[in-house]
C-alpha atoms as a PDB file:
ATOM      1  CA  UNK A   1      75.859 163.295-106.664  1.00  0.00           C
ATOM      2  CA  UNK A   2      78.851 164.298-108.789  1.00  0.00           C
ATOM      3  CA  UNK A   3      78.638 165.980-112.210  1.00  0.00           C
ATOM      4  CA  UNK A   4      81.391 164.768-112.984  1.00  0.00           C
ATOM      5  CA  UNK A   5      82.699 161.911-114.634  1.00  0.00           C
ATOM      6  CA  UNK A   6      84.995 159.462-114.296  1.00  0.00           C
ATOM      7  CA  UNK A   7      88.075 160.802-116.225  1.00  0.00           C
ATOM      8  CA  UNK A   8      87.759 163.902-114.723  1.00  0.00           C
ATOM      9  CA  UNK A   9      87.154 162.591-110.843  1.00  0.00           C
ATOM     10  CA  UNK A  10      90.693 160.882-111.662  1.00  0.00           C
ATOM     11  CA  UNK A  11      91.775 163.740-112.733  1.00  0.00           C
ATOM     12  CA  UNK A  12      91.021 165.456-109.752  1.00  0.00           C
ATOM     13  CA  UNK A  13      92.007 162.399-107.389  1.00  0.00           C
ATOM     14  CA  UNK A  14      95.950 162.767-108.491  1.00  0.00           C
ATOM     15  CA  UNK A  15      95.768 167.093-108.397  1.00  0.00           C
ATOM     16  CA  UNK A  16      94.702 166.144-104.792  1.00  0.00           C
ATOM     17  CA  UNK A  17      96.191 163.002-103.723  1.00  0.00           C
ATOM     18  CA  UNK A  18      99.814 165.265-104.832  1.00  0.00           C
ATOM     19  CA  UNK A  19      98.870 168.597-103.112  1.00  0.00           C
ATOM     20  CA  UNK A  20      98.062 166.568-100.296  1.00  0.00           C
ATOM     21  CA  UNK A  21     100.427 164.661-100.477  1.00  0.00           C
ATOM     22  CA  UNK A  22     102.248 165.234 -96.701  1.00  0.00           C
ATOM     23  CA  UNK A  23      98.957 164.581 -94.997  1.00  0.00           C
ATOM     24  CA  UNK A  24      98.148 161.158 -96.612  1.00  0.00           C
ATOM     25  CA  UNK A  25      95.078 160.315 -93.919  1.00  0.00           C
ATOM     26  CA  UNK A  26      93.357 163.411 -95.923  1.00  0.00           C
ATOM     27  CA  UNK A  27      93.987 161.838 -99.454  1.00  0.00           C
ATOM     28  CA  UNK A  28      93.031 158.520 -99.037  1.00  0.00           C
ATOM     29  CA  UNK A  29      89.906 159.878 -97.798  1.00  0.00           C
ATOM     30  CA  UNK A  30      89.144 161.645-100.725  1.00  0.00           C
ATOM     31  CA  UNK A  31      90.229 158.917-102.726  1.00  0.00           C
ATOM     32  CA  UNK A  32      87.605 156.867-100.669  1.00  0.00           C
ATOM     33  CA  UNK A  33      84.906 159.049-101.516  1.00  0.00           C
ATOM     34  CA  UNK A  34      85.926 159.657-105.592  1.00  0.00           C
ATOM     35  CA  UNK A  35      86.178 155.904-105.940  1.00  0.00           C
ATOM     36  CA  UNK A  36      82.213 155.790-104.354  1.00  0.00           C
ATOM     37  CA  UNK A  37      81.457 158.390-106.577  1.00  0.00           C
ATOM     38  CA  UNK A  38      82.586 156.699-109.659  1.00  0.00           C
ATOM     39  CA  UNK A  39      79.933 154.462-109.699  1.00  0.00           C
ATOM     40  CA  UNK A  40      77.281 157.577-109.898  1.00  0.00           C
ATOM     41  CA  UNK A  41      79.499 159.697-112.654  1.00  0.00           C
ATOM     42  CA  UNK A  42      77.776 161.327-115.630  1.00  0.00           C
ATOM     43  CA  UNK A  43      78.268 158.632-118.331  1.00  0.00           C
ATOM     44  CA  UNK A  44      78.334 155.707-115.992  1.00  0.00           C
ATOM     45  CA  UNK A  45      75.199 152.931-116.576  1.00  0.00           C
ATOM     46  CA  UNK A  46      72.470 153.194-113.395  1.00  0.00           C
ATOM     47  CA  UNK A  47      73.376 150.457-111.019  1.00  0.00           C
ATOM     48  CA  UNK A  48      70.223 147.528-110.813  1.00  0.00           C
ATOM     49  CA  UNK A  49      69.106 147.003-107.622  1.00  0.00           C
ATOM     50  CA  UNK A  50      65.573 145.568-106.070  1.00  0.00           C
ATOM     51  CA  UNK A  51      62.840 147.146-104.962  1.00  0.00           C
ATOM     52  CA  UNK A  52      59.393 147.022-103.949  1.00  0.00           C
ATOM     53  CA  UNK A  53      56.365 147.551-107.069  1.00  0.00           C
ATOM     54  CA  UNK A  54      53.001 148.780-105.426  1.00  0.00           C
ATOM     55  CA  UNK A  55      52.127 144.917-105.364  1.00  0.00           C
ATOM     56  CA  UNK A  56      54.142 143.895-102.759  1.00  0.00           C
ATOM     57  CA  UNK A  57      56.735 142.133-104.773  1.00  0.00           C
ATOM     58  CA  UNK A  58      60.590 142.707-105.370  1.00  0.00           C
ATOM     59  CA  UNK A  59      61.408 143.672-108.882  1.00  0.00           C
ATOM     60  CA  UNK A  60      64.734 144.807-110.490  1.00  0.00           C
ATOM     61  CA  UNK A  61      65.060 148.045-111.555  1.00  0.00           C
ATOM     62  CA  UNK A  62      66.438 146.866-114.619  1.00  0.00           C
ATOM     63  CA  UNK A  63      62.662 145.856-115.669  1.00  0.00           C
ATOM     64  CA  UNK A  64      60.926 149.601-115.433  1.00  0.00           C
ATOM     65  CA  UNK A  65      63.498 150.563-116.989  1.00  0.00           C
ATOM     66  CA  UNK A  66      62.224 151.306-120.706  1.00  0.00           C
ATOM     67  CA  UNK A  67      64.946 150.979-123.252  1.00  0.00           C
ATOM     68  CA  UNK A  68      65.475 154.077-125.965  1.00  0.00           C
ATOM     69  CA  UNK A  69      63.723 156.597-123.432  1.00  0.00           C
ATOM     70  CA  UNK A  70      65.293 159.296-121.052  1.00  0.00           C
ATOM     71  CA  UNK A  71      64.172 158.304-117.765  1.00  0.00           C
ATOM     72  CA  UNK A  72      64.338 159.843-114.655  1.00  0.00           C
ATOM     73  CA  UNK A  73      64.804 158.255-111.452  1.00  0.00           C
ATOM     74  CA  UNK A  74      63.014 160.220-109.011  1.00  0.00           C
ATOM     75  CA  UNK A  75      63.617 159.542-104.782  1.00  0.00           C
ATOM     76  CA  UNK A  76      61.577 160.663-102.797  1.00  0.00           C
ATOM     77  CA  UNK A  77      59.343 160.119 -99.483  1.00  0.00           C
ATOM     78  CA  UNK A  78      55.443 160.201 -98.000  1.00  0.00           C
ATOM     79  CA  UNK A  79      56.953 162.191 -95.279  1.00  0.00           C
ATOM     80  CA  UNK A  80      59.111 164.769 -97.307  1.00  0.00           C
ATOM     81  CA  UNK A  81      57.223 167.802 -97.884  1.00  0.00           C
ATOM     82  CA  UNK A  82      59.669 169.496-100.880  1.00  0.00           C
ATOM     83  CA  UNK A  83      58.954 166.001-102.002  1.00  0.00           C
ATOM     84  CA  UNK A  84      55.071 166.359-102.388  1.00  0.00           C
ATOM     85  CA  UNK A  85      55.524 169.773-103.352  1.00  0.00           C
ATOM     86  CA  UNK A  86      57.495 168.939-105.777  1.00  0.00           C
ATOM     87  CA  UNK A  87      54.603 166.102-107.392  1.00  0.00           C
ATOM     88  CA  UNK A  88      52.466 169.214-109.560  1.00  0.00           C
ATOM     89  CA  UNK A  89      55.751 170.098-111.148  1.00  0.00           C
ATOM     90  CA  UNK A  90      56.615 166.675-112.097  1.00  0.00           C
ATOM     91  CA  UNK A  91      52.694 166.391-113.584  1.00  0.00           C
ATOM     92  CA  UNK A  92      53.344 168.900-115.757  1.00  0.00           C
ATOM     93  CA  UNK A  93      56.664 167.713-117.036  1.00  0.00           C
ATOM     94  CA  UNK A  94      55.620 164.175-116.792  1.00  0.00           C
ATOM     95  CA  UNK A  95      52.418 165.328-119.194  1.00  0.00           C
ATOM     96  CA  UNK A  96      54.210 167.409-121.799  1.00  0.00           C
ATOM     97  CA  UNK A  97      57.206 164.627-122.176  1.00  0.00           C
ATOM     98  CA  UNK A  98      56.024 161.008-121.738  1.00  0.00           C
ATOM     99  CA  UNK A  99      54.896 160.424-125.669  1.00  0.00           C
ATOM    100  CA  UNK A 100      58.304 162.311-126.512  1.00  0.00           C
ATOM    101  CA  UNK A 101      60.707 159.755-124.789  1.00  0.00           C
ATOM    102  CA  UNK A 102      60.573 160.088-120.780  1.00  0.00           C
ATOM    103  CA  UNK A 103      60.119 158.148-118.267  1.00  0.00           C
ATOM    104  CA  UNK A 104      59.783 158.905-114.475  1.00  0.00           C
ATOM    105  CA  UNK A 105      60.179 155.956-111.900  1.00  0.00           C
ATOM    106  CA  UNK A 106      59.731 157.129-108.638  1.00  0.00           C
ATOM    107  CA  UNK A 107      61.455 155.199-105.902  1.00  0.00           C
ATOM    108  CA  UNK A 108      60.346 155.886-102.050  1.00  0.00           C
ATOM    109  CA  UNK A 109      62.414 155.681 -99.228  1.00  0.00           C
ATOM    110  CA  UNK A 110      59.208 155.092 -97.137  1.00  0.00           C
ATOM    111  CA  UNK A 111      59.173 152.446 -94.291  1.00  0.00           C
ATOM    112  CA  UNK A 112      56.606 152.181 -93.794  1.00  0.00           C
ATOM    113  CA  UNK A 113      54.159 150.146 -96.917  1.00  0.00           C
ATOM    114  CA  UNK A 114      50.863 152.140 -95.537  1.00  0.00           C
ATOM    115  CA  UNK A 115      52.123 154.974 -95.831  1.00  0.00           C
ATOM    116  CA  UNK A 116      54.235 155.022 -99.055  1.00  0.00           C
ATOM    117  CA  UNK A 117      50.632 153.858-100.361  1.00  0.00           C
ATOM    118  CA  UNK A 118      48.195 156.643 -98.995  1.00  0.00           C
ATOM    119  CA  UNK A 119      50.703 158.721-100.321  1.00  0.00           C
ATOM    120  CA  UNK A 120      50.635 157.380-104.138  1.00  0.00           C
ATOM    121  CA  UNK A 121      47.331 157.169-103.691  1.00  0.00           C
ATOM    122  CA  UNK A 122      46.542 161.121-102.522  1.00  0.00           C
ATOM    123  CA  UNK A 123      48.989 161.995-105.443  1.00  0.00           C
ATOM    124  CA  UNK A 124      47.842 160.119-108.419  1.00  0.00           C
ATOM    125  CA  UNK A 125      51.594 159.956-109.927  1.00  0.00           C
ATOM    126  CA  UNK A 126      50.842 158.906-113.206  1.00  0.00           C
ATOM    127  CA  UNK A 127      54.129 156.743-113.345  1.00  0.00           C
ATOM    128  CA  UNK A 128      56.008 153.953-112.159  1.00  0.00           C
ATOM    129  CA  UNK A 129      56.393 153.740-108.625  1.00  0.00           C
ATOM    130  CA  UNK A 130      58.632 151.777-106.232  1.00  0.00           C
ATOM    131  CA  UNK A 131      59.562 151.360-102.778  1.00  0.00           C
ATOM    132  CA  UNK A 132      62.920 150.690-100.802  1.00  0.00           C
ATOM    133  CA  UNK A 133      61.218 149.155 -98.045  1.00  0.00           C
ATOM    134  CA  UNK A 134      64.848 149.241 -96.074  1.00  0.00           C
ATOM    135  CA  UNK A 135      64.618 153.093 -96.171  1.00  0.00           C
ATOM    136  CA  UNK A 136      67.501 155.562 -95.534  1.00  0.00           C
ATOM    137  CA  UNK A 137      69.652 152.315 -95.261  1.00  0.00           C
ATOM    138  CA  UNK A 138      68.238 150.577 -98.031  1.00  0.00           C
ATOM    139  CA  UNK A 139      70.387 149.693-101.547  1.00  0.00           C
ATOM    140  CA  UNK A 140      68.136 152.947-103.021  1.00  0.00           C
ATOM    141  CA  UNK A 141      70.098 155.406-100.960  1.00  0.00           C
ATOM    142  CA  UNK A 142      73.427 153.233-100.671  1.00  0.00           C
ATOM    143  CA  UNK A 143      73.853 152.583-103.937  1.00  0.00           C
ATOM    144  CA  UNK A 144      73.143 155.876-105.484  1.00  0.00           C
ATOM    145  CA  UNK A 145      74.593 158.211-102.708  1.00  0.00           C
ATOM    146  CA  UNK A 146      71.533 160.110-102.281  1.00  0.00           C
ATOM    147  CA  UNK A 147      72.167 162.283 -99.858  1.00  0.00           C
ATOM    148  CA  UNK A 148      68.514 163.764 -99.140  1.00  0.00           C
ATOM    149  CA  UNK A 149      65.415 163.746-100.633  1.00  0.00           C
ATOM    150  CA  UNK A 150      63.839 165.227-103.003  1.00  0.00           C
ATOM    151  CA  UNK A 151      66.742 163.728-105.179  1.00  0.00           C
ATOM    152  CA  UNK A 152      66.668 163.331-109.202  1.00  0.00           C
ATOM    153  CA  UNK A 153      68.881 161.435-111.394  1.00  0.00           C
ATOM    154  CA  UNK A 154      68.128 161.541-115.279  1.00  0.00           C
ATOM    155  CA  UNK A 155      69.344 158.505-117.341  1.00  0.00           C
ATOM    156  CA  UNK A 156      69.825 158.829-121.244  1.00  0.00           C
ATOM    157  CA  UNK A 157      68.477 156.582-123.913  1.00  0.00           C
ATOM    158  CA  UNK A 158      71.515 154.258-122.807  1.00  0.00           C
ATOM    159  CA  UNK A 159      70.588 154.439-119.049  1.00  0.00           C
ATOM    160  CA  UNK A 160      73.800 156.089-118.585  1.00  0.00           C
ATOM    161  CA  UNK A 161      73.428 159.539-116.188  1.00  0.00           C
ATOM    162  CA  UNK A 162      73.149 162.247-117.863  1.00  0.00           C
ATOM    163  CA  UNK A 163      72.658 164.523-115.467  1.00  0.00           C
ATOM    164  CA  UNK A 164      71.429 165.147-111.416  1.00  0.00           C
ATOM    165  CA  UNK A 165      69.672 166.654-109.108  1.00  0.00           C
ATOM    166  CA  UNK A 166      67.813 168.836-111.376  1.00  0.00           C
ATOM    167  CA  UNK A 167      64.754 170.762-110.032  1.00  0.00           C
ATOM    168  CA  UNK A 168      61.792 173.252-111.540  1.00  0.00           C
ATOM    169  CA  UNK A 169      63.096 175.290-114.449  1.00  0.00           C
ATOM    170  CA  UNK A 170      66.450 173.491-114.558  1.00  0.00           C
ATOM    171  CA  UNK A 171      64.482 170.260-115.278  1.00  0.00           C
ATOM    172  CA  UNK A 172      62.256 172.120-117.744  1.00  0.00           C
ATOM    173  CA  UNK A 173      65.626 173.534-119.452  1.00  0.00           C
ATOM    174  CA  UNK A 174      67.345 170.131-119.844  1.00  0.00           C
ATOM    175  CA  UNK A 175      64.426 168.480-120.758  1.00  0.00           C
ATOM    176  CA  UNK A 176      63.780 171.243-123.577  1.00  0.00           C
ATOM    177  CA  UNK A 177      67.141 170.823-124.857  1.00  0.00           C
ATOM    178  CA  UNK A 178      67.656 167.105-125.079  1.00  0.00           C
ATOM    179  CA  UNK A 179      63.483 166.729-126.149  1.00  0.00           C
ATOM    180  CA  UNK A 180      62.330 168.455-128.760  1.00  0.00           C
END
């Protein structure tokens, strides 16, 4: 994840390229990484991918992202202890903000549908649930540059990336600031 805008990434790339002018392979490697990061930079529109809904149908993420609301994309897996540990807090956050212009979309990377279905039943998460059945090799991880779960991305009301990697009190503070 990146907490920089595209112009900031371009400025950083220019500085690194100049500083590493005598080490072209390293400068090129950094440029490649920075170019990939631009798709997930602060202020960029979320990437539309196909995911599976709980009924087993493939749907576009855009069909689930409500317009005019802040949306948190929550990447998780049934086998991830920290992910499951975060769910009670997310339930509290959702309860406090769902009627004030906030939505959560959980994106599981479980490859076994039965594990995902069991976890959803156990956790009783009242928000939108989607799954990338390709798991760690699927578009959810690849397109969103997720290096580990849990991971979240907060979108603004226009569907642009606002903040990334928020948990606990950091998420609470961000939502208190955004949604009075």
